[in-house]
Amino acid sequence: MLERDWGDITARLDRQVGRWHPSADEAGIAELMRMYAVPGISIAARRGADSWAAGYGTTVAGGSTEVAPRTVFQACSISKHVAAFGVLRLVDQGVLALDEDVNAYLRSWRVPEAGGWPAVITVRQLLGHTAGLSYNWFRGFHSGASHPTLRQVLAGEEPANTPPVRVSLLPGSRFRYSGSHYAVVQQLLIDVTGVGFAELMHTLVLEPLGMTDSSYDQSFPHGRGELVATGHQVDGIPVSGRWRVLPEAAGAGLWTTPGDLARLGAEIARAAAGEPALLSGDLAGQLLTVQVPGGDYGLGTQVDGERFGHVGGNIGYGCWLFTWRESGTTVAVMANSGGCNELLDAILAAAERRYAAPGAGGTPVAGTYLLREGYPLLVDVAGEQVTLTAAGQPPVRLIPLPTGQFLVPGLDCELTFGEGTVELRQEGRVDTAELSGS
């Protein structure tokens, strides 16, 4: 049962975060919230017919209104994940084509030529952050200040607070995460359908999925009364005006709850499994397909092995949404603090240990593996004992896992042996060392 899972998880979070091997330094969620000055946090989980949600702390520092499951937060960059789902629904309907030049759809603004060169940008490239558009992180606007139109944002005209959107890399050549891509997505959808973005997303995604506590409308929180979490700076001080307004809604402007986000994750998993869903199985598969070899991003979606979803961070807020396909579990976490990353990481690590199915490791082979020039890894195998000697370090006996991986005791370092290789996973990053002479 999810309720039992999360009673245990929130009582025993790891302050020294590791993917598979928890440290002995544990703390409850309330203690970590105090440590990192996070006033409030909301968590929801869904697996089949089983769902659970809970709030912790308060909607504003020092306040008395407690965070509830229906308290809304800014979804930050998870907004991209939700928007991408809406785009793919239009692809399913034949309104858009993934590999069409976006200038064939845009009317009120067009991707500018690069030095007289008319670069071709596709819908797929926008969704996957491979279009090579200039880097922008949209920090929003004070609720009492002037707000630019979306076209002013794209053109970099006042009162926009970011540079104009331009092509700056060869389209399709590499991944570069940028809010610029989703500002263009937002304008494209408006131009193609003739419908306001918030209304369109309500029709395509929010209403069909029963996400009744969600909206891209920037006036939405004003009608929620006490069910709104005020954003806070890293030092715990409330954001001036309580939150920032995001005209660039597709990239960072969704207001929602973890419970609503979990509905989306579960729907994508159903579609990818070929079950009846709002999205076809083919497009769900493309949503979850990494677009650049060696990368970890599909179409509006972060993909890490069997886990998919998105993370996000706005001024005053932080969040993540992930689905573990093997266990069929979706979890979403939202906090009202810009300094919540360590707490979010601790919760994610605990969820990963509970719901992930680690890939099977191969048989360890003794020898010297080169991680990089000047950094050899010496592996010694004696029966069932595997010892690692890293460059400049004393030998350490590795801890075997049932799935075939090996852990360095006390460290967030997991080794997976392959054919003439060993992969080191540390803090979510994987580096590969090759067997010398292989």
Protein backbone atom coordinates (compact mmCIF):
# COMPACT_ATOMS: atom_id res chain seq x y z
CA MET A 1 0.00 0.00 0.00
CA LEU A 2 1.26 3.45 -0.92
CA GLU A 3 0.16 4.96 2.39
CA ARG A 4 2.33 2.48 4.28
CA ASP A 5 5.24 3.07 1.88
CA TRP A 6 5.21 6.79 2.43
CA GLY A 7 4.73 6.66 6.17
CA ASP A 8 8.02 4.78 6.25
CA ILE A 9 9.78 6.89 3.59
CA THR A 10 9.00 10.29 5.14
CA ALA A 11 10.05 9.08 8.59
CA ARG A 12 13.48 7.86 7.42
CA LEU A 13 14.98 10.08 4.75
CA ASP A 14 18.69 9.90 4.02
CA ARG A 15 20.67 13.09 4.70
CA GLN A 16 23.61 11.65 2.76
CA VAL A 17 21.77 10.85 -0.44
CA GLY A 18 22.67 7.66 -2.29
CA ARG A 19 20.84 5.92 -5.12
CA TRP A 20 20.76 2.36 -3.78
CA HIS A 21 22.73 2.34 -0.55
CA PRO A 22 21.28 4.52 2.26
CA SER A 23 23.62 5.90 4.89
CA ALA A 24 23.06 5.61 8.61
CA ASP A 25 22.43 9.38 8.76
CA GLU A 26 18.62 9.48 8.66
CA ALA A 27 16.06 12.15 9.49
CA GLY A 28 12.33 12.63 9.25
CA ILE A 29 10.80 15.00 6.72
CA ALA A 30 9.98 17.66 9.33
CA GLU A 31 13.62 17.82 10.46
CA LEU A 32 14.90 18.19 6.89
CA MET A 33 12.31 20.88 6.16
CA ARG A 34 13.62 22.88 9.13
CA MET A 35 17.22 22.29 8.11
CA TYR A 36 16.69 23.60 4.57
CA ALA A 37 14.13 26.31 5.48
CA VAL A 38 11.37 24.70 3.39
CA PRO A 39 8.01 25.91 4.78
CA GLY A 40 5.79 23.45 2.92
CA ILE A 41 5.90 20.36 0.77
CA SER A 42 3.26 18.17 -0.87
CA ILE A 43 3.66 14.57 -2.07
CA ALA A 44 1.38 12.26 -4.04
CA ALA A 45 1.78 8.72 -5.35
CA ARG A 46 -0.33 6.57 -7.66
CA ARG A 47 -0.17 2.91 -8.66
CA GLY A 48 -3.17 1.40 -10.40
CA ALA A 49 -6.25 2.02 -8.27
CA ASP A 50 -4.11 2.86 -5.23
CA SER A 51 -3.42 6.55 -4.65
CA TRP A 52 -2.09 8.56 -1.72
CA ALA A 53 -1.39 12.24 -1.06
CA ALA A 54 -0.28 14.32 1.91
CA GLY A 55 0.93 17.81 2.76
CA TYR A 56 3.58 18.84 5.28
CA GLY A 57 4.29 22.22 6.81
CA THR A 58 2.58 25.49 5.95
CA THR A 59 1.72 27.49 2.84
CA VAL A 60 3.85 30.40 4.09
CA ALA A 61 6.74 30.56 6.56
CA GLY A 62 5.46 31.25 10.05
CA GLY A 63 1.84 30.88 8.93
CA SER A 64 -0.87 28.63 10.33
CA THR A 65 -2.45 27.36 7.08
CA GLU A 66 -1.22 23.84 6.55
CA VAL A 67 -0.30 22.45 3.15
CA ALA A 68 -3.08 20.11 1.97
CA PRO A 69 -3.26 17.69 -0.97
CA ARG A 70 -5.23 20.31 -2.95
CA THR A 71 -2.79 23.17 -2.23
CA VAL A 72 -1.42 24.38 -5.58
CA PHE A 73 2.23 25.09 -6.37
CA GLN A 74 4.04 26.31 -9.46
CA ALA A 75 5.03 23.27 -11.51
CA CYS A 76 8.11 25.03 -12.87
CA SER A 77 9.65 23.04 -15.75
CA ILE A 78 7.27 20.12 -15.28
CA SER A 79 5.05 22.53 -17.25
CA LYS A 80 7.06 21.43 -20.32
CA HIS A 81 6.23 17.78 -19.70
CA VAL A 82 2.50 18.54 -19.53
CA ALA A 83 2.62 20.85 -22.57
CA ALA A 84 4.46 18.20 -24.62
CA PHE A 85 1.66 15.75 -23.87
CA GLY A 86 -0.80 18.30 -25.26
CA VAL A 87 1.29 18.81 -28.40
CA LEU A 88 1.39 15.05 -29.03
CA ARG A 89 -2.37 14.86 -28.68
CA LEU A 90 -2.58 17.34 -31.57
CA VAL A 91 -0.13 15.17 -33.52
CA ASP A 92 -2.41 12.19 -32.86
CA GLN A 93 -5.30 14.23 -34.24
CA GLY A 94 -3.38 15.17 -37.39
CA VAL A 95 -3.29 18.87 -36.54
CA LEU A 96 0.52 18.89 -36.23
CA ALA A 97 3.37 16.79 -37.65
CA LEU A 98 6.42 16.16 -35.49
CA ASP A 99 8.93 16.62 -38.30
CA GLU A 100 7.36 19.65 -40.00
CA ASP A 101 9.16 23.01 -40.15
CA VAL A 102 7.61 25.11 -37.37
CA ASN A 103 7.59 28.19 -39.63
CA ALA A 104 4.90 26.37 -41.61
CA TYR A 105 2.66 26.74 -38.56
CA LEU A 106 3.75 30.05 -37.02
CA ARG A 107 1.86 33.18 -38.06
CA SER A 108 2.30 35.97 -35.52
CA TRP A 109 6.05 35.32 -35.06
CA ARG A 110 8.53 33.27 -37.05
CA VAL A 111 11.92 31.75 -36.25
CA PRO A 112 14.35 34.44 -37.46
CA GLU A 113 16.94 33.70 -40.10
CA ALA A 114 20.46 33.20 -38.77
CA GLY A 115 22.70 35.62 -40.65
CA GLY A 116 20.44 35.33 -43.68
CA TRP A 117 20.30 31.54 -43.39
CA PRO A 118 16.71 30.15 -43.00
CA ALA A 119 17.30 27.35 -40.51
CA VAL A 120 14.66 24.60 -40.44
CA ILE A 121 13.33 23.88 -36.94
CA THR A 122 10.89 21.02 -36.36
CA VAL A 123 8.23 20.42 -33.73
CA ARG A 124 10.17 17.35 -32.58
CA GLN A 125 13.31 19.43 -32.06
CA LEU A 126 11.42 22.00 -30.00
CA LEU A 127 9.95 19.34 -27.71
CA GLY A 128 13.31 17.60 -27.29
CA HIS A 129 15.46 20.75 -26.83
CA THR A 130 17.51 19.92 -29.93
CA ALA A 131 16.48 22.89 -32.10
CA GLY A 132 19.60 24.87 -31.13
CA LEU A 133 17.68 27.90 -29.88
CA SER A 134 19.34 30.48 -27.65
CA TYR A 135 19.44 29.81 -23.92
CA ASN A 136 16.74 31.39 -21.77
CA TRP A 137 15.63 30.64 -18.20
CA PHE A 138 12.36 32.42 -17.54
CA ARG A 139 12.39 33.88 -14.04
CA GLY A 140 8.96 35.52 -14.24
CA PHE A 141 7.66 38.92 -13.22
CA HIS A 142 6.47 40.53 -10.02
CA SER A 143 2.70 40.27 -9.82
CA GLY A 144 2.40 44.07 -9.66
CA ALA A 145 4.78 44.81 -12.54
CA SER A 146 4.16 45.08 -16.27
CA HIS A 147 4.17 41.72 -18.04
CA PRO A 148 5.25 41.20 -21.63
CA THR A 149 3.17 39.46 -24.22
CA LEU A 150 4.51 36.17 -25.50
CA ARG A 151 5.52 37.83 -28.76
CA GLN A 152 7.50 40.43 -26.79
CA VAL A 153 9.26 37.58 -24.99
CA LEU A 154 10.13 35.91 -28.29
CA ALA A 155 11.42 39.20 -29.70
CA GLY A 156 13.24 40.18 -26.49
CA GLU A 157 11.35 43.48 -26.34
CA GLU A 158 10.56 45.38 -23.14
CA PRO A 159 9.19 44.58 -20.67
CA ALA A 160 10.61 41.09 -21.39
CA ASN A 161 13.56 40.25 -19.11
CA THR A 162 15.26 37.72 -21.41
CA PRO A 163 17.11 38.04 -24.76
CA PRO A 164 15.30 37.39 -28.05
CA VAL A 165 14.84 33.80 -29.19
CA ARG A 166 17.30 33.00 -31.98
CA VAL A 167 18.94 29.98 -33.59
CA SER A 168 22.45 29.74 -32.14
CA LEU A 169 23.43 26.08 -32.73
CA LEU A 170 23.01 23.75 -35.69
CA PRO A 171 19.43 22.45 -35.37
CA GLY A 172 19.35 18.77 -34.48
CA SER A 173 23.07 18.56 -33.74
CA ARG A 174 22.89 18.34 -29.94
CA PHE A 175 20.75 18.74 -26.86
CA ARG A 176 20.63 22.12 -25.16
CA TYR A 177 17.97 22.68 -22.54
CA SER A 178 16.34 26.10 -22.91
CA GLY A 179 12.99 27.66 -22.14
CA SER A 180 13.18 29.28 -25.59
CA HIS A 181 12.02 26.02 -27.16
CA TYR A 182 8.78 25.98 -25.21
CA ALA A 183 8.09 29.68 -25.73
CA VAL A 184 8.03 28.85 -29.43
CA VAL A 185 5.87 25.78 -28.74
CA GLN A 186 3.38 27.98 -26.92
CA GLN A 187 3.16 30.50 -29.78
CA LEU A 188 2.91 27.71 -32.35
CA LEU A 189 -0.07 26.16 -30.56
CA ILE A 190 -1.85 29.50 -30.33
CA ASP A 191 -1.25 30.22 -34.03
CA VAL A 192 -2.34 26.77 -35.22
CA THR A 193 -5.52 26.47 -33.15
CA GLY A 194 -6.55 30.11 -32.67
CA VAL A 195 -7.21 29.26 -29.00
CA GLY A 196 -5.51 30.76 -25.93
CA PHE A 197 -2.82 28.51 -24.52
CA ALA A 198 -4.37 28.01 -21.06
CA GLU A 199 -7.76 27.17 -22.56
CA LEU A 200 -6.20 24.82 -25.09
CA MET A 201 -4.24 22.89 -22.45
CA HIS A 202 -7.37 22.65 -20.32
CA THR A 203 -9.20 21.04 -23.25
CA LEU A 204 -6.37 18.76 -24.42
CA VAL A 205 -4.86 17.61 -21.12
CA LEU A 206 -6.19 18.91 -17.83
CA GLU A 207 -9.90 18.27 -18.21
CA PRO A 208 -9.64 14.81 -19.86
CA LEU A 209 -7.24 13.62 -17.14
CA GLY A 210 -9.34 14.99 -14.28
CA MET A 211 -6.63 17.49 -13.30
CA THR A 212 -9.21 19.75 -11.68
CA ASP A 213 -6.72 21.62 -9.49
CA SER A 214 -4.52 22.69 -12.41
CA SER A 215 -4.29 25.59 -14.84
CA TYR A 216 -1.81 27.48 -17.02
CA ASP A 217 -3.89 30.64 -16.47
CA GLN A 218 -1.69 33.04 -14.48
CA SER A 219 -4.75 34.38 -12.63
CA PHE A 220 -5.66 30.87 -11.42
CA PRO A 221 -4.11 31.07 -7.92
CA HIS A 222 -6.06 34.24 -7.09
CA GLY A 223 -9.25 32.21 -6.98
CA ARG A 224 -7.88 29.47 -4.74
CA GLY A 225 -8.10 31.23 -1.37
CA GLU A 226 -5.84 29.52 1.16
CA LEU A 227 -5.12 26.60 -1.17
CA VAL A 228 -2.04 28.32 -2.66
CA ALA A 229 1.55 27.84 -1.54
CA THR A 230 3.53 31.08 -1.34
CA GLY A 231 6.99 30.86 -2.91
CA HIS A 232 10.08 31.41 -0.75
CA GLN A 233 13.66 32.41 -1.46
CA VAL A 234 16.58 30.18 -0.47
CA ASP A 235 16.82 31.99 2.89
CA GLY A 236 13.17 31.28 3.72
CA ILE A 237 11.90 34.79 2.97
CA PRO A 238 8.61 34.87 1.00
CA VAL A 239 8.84 35.94 -2.64
CA SER A 240 7.71 39.54 -3.08
CA GLY A 241 4.11 39.41 -4.25
CA ARG A 242 3.95 35.73 -3.10
CA TRP A 243 4.92 34.33 -6.52
CA ARG A 244 6.16 35.31 -9.97
CA VAL A 245 3.91 35.59 -13.00
CA LEU A 246 5.06 33.51 -16.00
CA PRO A 247 3.78 34.66 -19.42
CA GLU A 248 6.00 31.84 -20.78
CA ALA A 249 3.45 29.40 -19.40
CA ALA A 250 4.31 26.33 -21.50
CA GLY A 251 7.84 26.30 -20.11
CA ALA A 252 7.25 27.13 -16.45
CA GLY A 253 3.79 28.55 -15.73
CA LEU A 254 1.54 25.63 -14.76
CA TRP A 255 -0.19 25.77 -11.36
CA THR A 256 -1.05 22.30 -10.06
CA THR A 257 -0.86 19.71 -7.29
CA PRO A 258 1.22 16.53 -7.00
CA GLY A 259 -1.99 14.52 -7.14
CA ASP A 260 -2.89 16.00 -10.52
CA LEU A 261 0.62 15.50 -11.88
CA ALA A 262 0.55 11.84 -10.84
CA ARG A 263 -2.50 11.38 -13.06
CA LEU A 264 -0.43 12.46 -16.06
CA GLY A 265 2.46 10.13 -15.26
CA ALA A 266 0.10 7.19 -14.88
CA GLU A 267 -1.64 8.05 -18.18
CA ILE A 268 1.65 8.12 -20.10
CA ALA A 269 2.62 4.77 -18.60
CA ARG A 270 -0.71 3.28 -19.70
CA ALA A 271 -0.26 4.62 -23.23
CA ALA A 272 3.31 3.32 -23.45
CA ALA A 273 2.09 -0.12 -22.33
CA GLY A 274 -0.42 -0.19 -25.18
CA GLU A 275 -3.44 0.19 -22.90
CA PRO A 276 -6.39 2.47 -23.78
CA ALA A 277 -5.26 6.03 -23.14
CA LEU A 278 -5.52 9.61 -24.37
CA LEU A 279 -2.30 9.20 -26.37
CA SER A 280 -1.51 6.52 -28.93
CA GLY A 281 1.05 3.91 -28.01
CA ASP A 282 3.32 4.99 -30.87
CA LEU A 283 3.49 8.60 -29.73
CA ALA A 284 3.87 7.60 -26.10
CA GLY A 285 6.86 5.56 -27.21
CA GLN A 286 8.32 8.56 -29.00
CA LEU A 287 7.70 10.72 -25.92
CA LEU A 288 9.90 8.30 -23.97
CA THR A 289 12.59 7.87 -26.64
CA VAL A 290 15.86 9.71 -26.02
CA GLN A 291 16.35 12.10 -28.94
CA VAL A 292 20.15 12.42 -28.88
CA PRO A 293 22.38 9.32 -28.49
CA GLY A 294 23.87 9.23 -25.02
CA GLY A 295 21.36 11.76 -23.72
CA ASP A 296 18.53 11.44 -21.26
CA TYR A 297 15.73 13.53 -22.76
CA GLY A 298 12.81 12.42 -24.90
CA LEU A 299 10.00 14.73 -26.02
CA GLY A 300 9.41 17.01 -23.06
CA THR A 301 10.46 14.15 -20.83
CA GLN A 302 13.53 13.15 -18.85
CA VAL A 303 14.28 9.45 -19.29
CA ASP A 304 16.55 7.56 -16.90
CA GLY A 305 16.39 3.85 -17.58
CA GLU A 306 12.87 2.71 -16.71
CA ARG A 307 12.08 6.01 -14.96
CA PHE A 308 10.58 8.98 -16.81
CA GLY A 309 9.21 12.39 -15.88
CA HIS A 310 10.62 15.86 -15.21
CA VAL A 311 12.14 18.08 -12.55
CA GLY A 312 11.57 21.79 -12.11
CA GLY A 313 12.70 24.91 -10.30
CA ASN A 314 11.24 28.44 -10.39
CA ILE A 315 11.95 31.39 -8.14
CA GLY A 316 10.38 30.25 -4.88
CA TYR A 317 9.50 26.67 -5.88
CA GLY A 318 10.97 23.24 -6.68
CA CYS A 319 9.42 19.95 -7.76
CA TRP A 320 9.75 16.61 -9.52
CA LEU A 321 7.46 14.07 -11.16
CA PHE A 322 8.64 10.55 -12.02
CA THR A 323 7.06 7.26 -13.03
CA TRP A 324 8.81 3.90 -12.53
CA ARG A 325 7.46 1.74 -15.33
CA GLU A 326 8.45 -1.65 -13.90
CA SER A 327 6.53 -1.14 -10.65
CA GLY A 328 3.84 1.02 -12.27
CA THR A 329 4.29 3.73 -9.66
CA THR A 330 4.11 7.49 -10.20
CA VAL A 331 5.27 9.97 -7.56
CA ALA A 332 5.16 13.79 -7.60
CA VAL A 333 6.68 16.15 -5.03
CA MET A 334 6.28 19.95 -4.86
CA ALA A 335 7.82 22.43 -2.40
CA ASN A 336 7.44 26.18 -1.88
CA SER A 337 11.12 27.06 -1.54
CA GLY A 338 13.99 27.86 -3.86
CA GLY A 339 16.28 26.04 -1.43
CA CYS A 340 14.51 22.68 -1.49
CA ASN A 341 16.85 20.74 -3.79
CA GLU A 342 18.55 18.68 -1.09
CA LEU A 343 15.20 17.71 0.40
CA LEU A 344 13.77 16.81 -3.01
CA ASP A 345 16.86 14.72 -3.75
CA ALA A 346 16.48 12.83 -0.48
CA ILE A 347 12.85 12.00 -1.27
CA LEU A 348 13.72 10.98 -4.83
CA ALA A 349 16.50 8.67 -3.64
CA ALA A 350 14.11 7.00 -1.20
CA ALA A 351 11.44 6.60 -3.89
CA GLU A 352 14.03 5.20 -6.29
CA ARG A 353 15.10 2.55 -3.80
CA ARG A 354 11.47 1.62 -3.17
CA TYR A 355 10.09 1.55 -6.72
CA ALA A 356 12.93 1.15 -9.24
CA ALA A 357 14.05 -2.12 -10.75
CA PRO A 358 17.84 -1.85 -11.21
CA GLY A 359 19.21 -3.24 -14.45
CA ALA A 360 21.07 -6.50 -14.08
CA GLY A 361 24.84 -6.27 -13.91
CA GLY A 362 27.28 -8.54 -15.69
CA THR A 363 30.01 -10.78 -14.30
CA PRO A 364 32.99 -8.79 -12.96
CA VAL A 365 36.24 -9.35 -14.85
CA ALA A 366 39.60 -8.66 -13.23
CA GLY A 367 41.87 -6.13 -14.89
CA THR A 368 42.68 -2.46 -15.22
CA TYR A 369 39.89 -0.19 -16.48
CA LEU A 370 40.68 3.31 -17.69
CA LEU A 371 38.12 5.89 -16.62
CA ARG A 372 40.17 8.64 -18.23
CA GLU A 373 43.83 9.29 -18.91
CA GLY A 374 45.66 9.08 -15.60
CA TYR A 375 42.72 7.56 -13.68
CA PRO A 376 42.88 3.74 -13.79
CA LEU A 377 40.55 1.45 -11.85
CA LEU A 378 42.13 -1.85 -10.83
CA VAL A 379 39.59 -4.64 -10.29
CA ASP A 380 40.62 -7.85 -8.54
CA VAL A 381 38.31 -10.89 -8.41
CA ALA A 382 38.92 -13.70 -5.94
CA GLY A 383 36.02 -16.13 -5.85
CA GLU A 384 32.95 -14.09 -4.89
CA GLN A 385 35.01 -11.19 -3.55
CA VAL A 386 35.53 -8.17 -5.80
CA THR A 387 38.05 -5.49 -4.82
CA LEU A 388 38.43 -2.07 -6.40
CA THR A 389 41.56 0.06 -6.28
CA ALA A 390 40.95 3.53 -7.71
CA ALA A 391 43.76 5.89 -8.68
CA GLY A 392 45.54 7.12 -5.56
CA GLN A 393 43.22 5.20 -3.21
CA PRO A 394 43.62 2.12 -1.00
CA PRO A 395 41.79 -1.06 -2.06
CA VAL A 396 38.14 -1.43 -1.05
CA ARG A 397 36.04 -4.60 -1.07
CA LEU A 398 32.82 -4.02 -3.01
CA ILE A 399 29.36 -4.93 -1.74
CA PRO A 400 27.41 -7.14 -4.18
CA LEU A 401 23.74 -6.39 -4.88
CA PRO A 402 21.18 -9.07 -5.80
CA THR A 403 20.81 -7.48 -9.26
CA GLY A 404 24.51 -7.85 -10.08
CA GLN A 405 25.73 -4.31 -9.35
CA PHE A 406 28.42 -3.57 -6.78
CA LEU A 407 28.60 -0.74 -4.26
CA VAL A 408 31.57 1.04 -2.77
CA PRO A 409 30.73 0.90 0.97
CA GLY A 410 29.82 4.27 2.43
CA LEU A 411 29.79 6.05 -0.93
CA ASP A 412 27.12 6.91 -3.49
CA CYS A 413 29.08 4.87 -6.05
CA GLU A 414 27.58 1.91 -7.89
CA LEU A 415 29.52 -0.25 -10.39
CA THR A 416 27.97 -2.23 -13.23
CA PHE A 417 30.19 -4.58 -15.23
CA GLY A 418 29.61 -5.03 -18.95
CA GLU A 419 31.49 -6.53 -21.88
CA GLY A 420 34.97 -5.07 -21.36
CA THR A 421 33.59 -2.08 -19.44
CA VAL A 422 32.56 -0.97 -16.00
CA GLU A 423 30.03 1.80 -15.45
CA LEU A 424 30.33 4.06 -12.40
CA ARG A 425 27.12 5.71 -11.31
CA GLN A 426 27.63 8.56 -8.86
CA GLU A 427 24.92 11.11 -7.96
CA GLY A 428 22.90 10.05 -11.00
CA ARG A 429 25.76 10.49 -13.47
CA VAL A 430 27.17 7.47 -15.30
CA ASP A 431 30.80 7.33 -16.48
CA THR A 432 32.24 4.36 -18.35
CA ALA A 433 35.71 2.91 -17.92
CA GLU A 434 37.08 0.52 -20.53
CA LEU A 435 39.19 -2.54 -19.85
CA SER A 436 42.76 -1.78 -20.83
CA GLY A 437 43.64 -3.54 -24.09
CA SER A 438 40.01 -4.36 -24.93
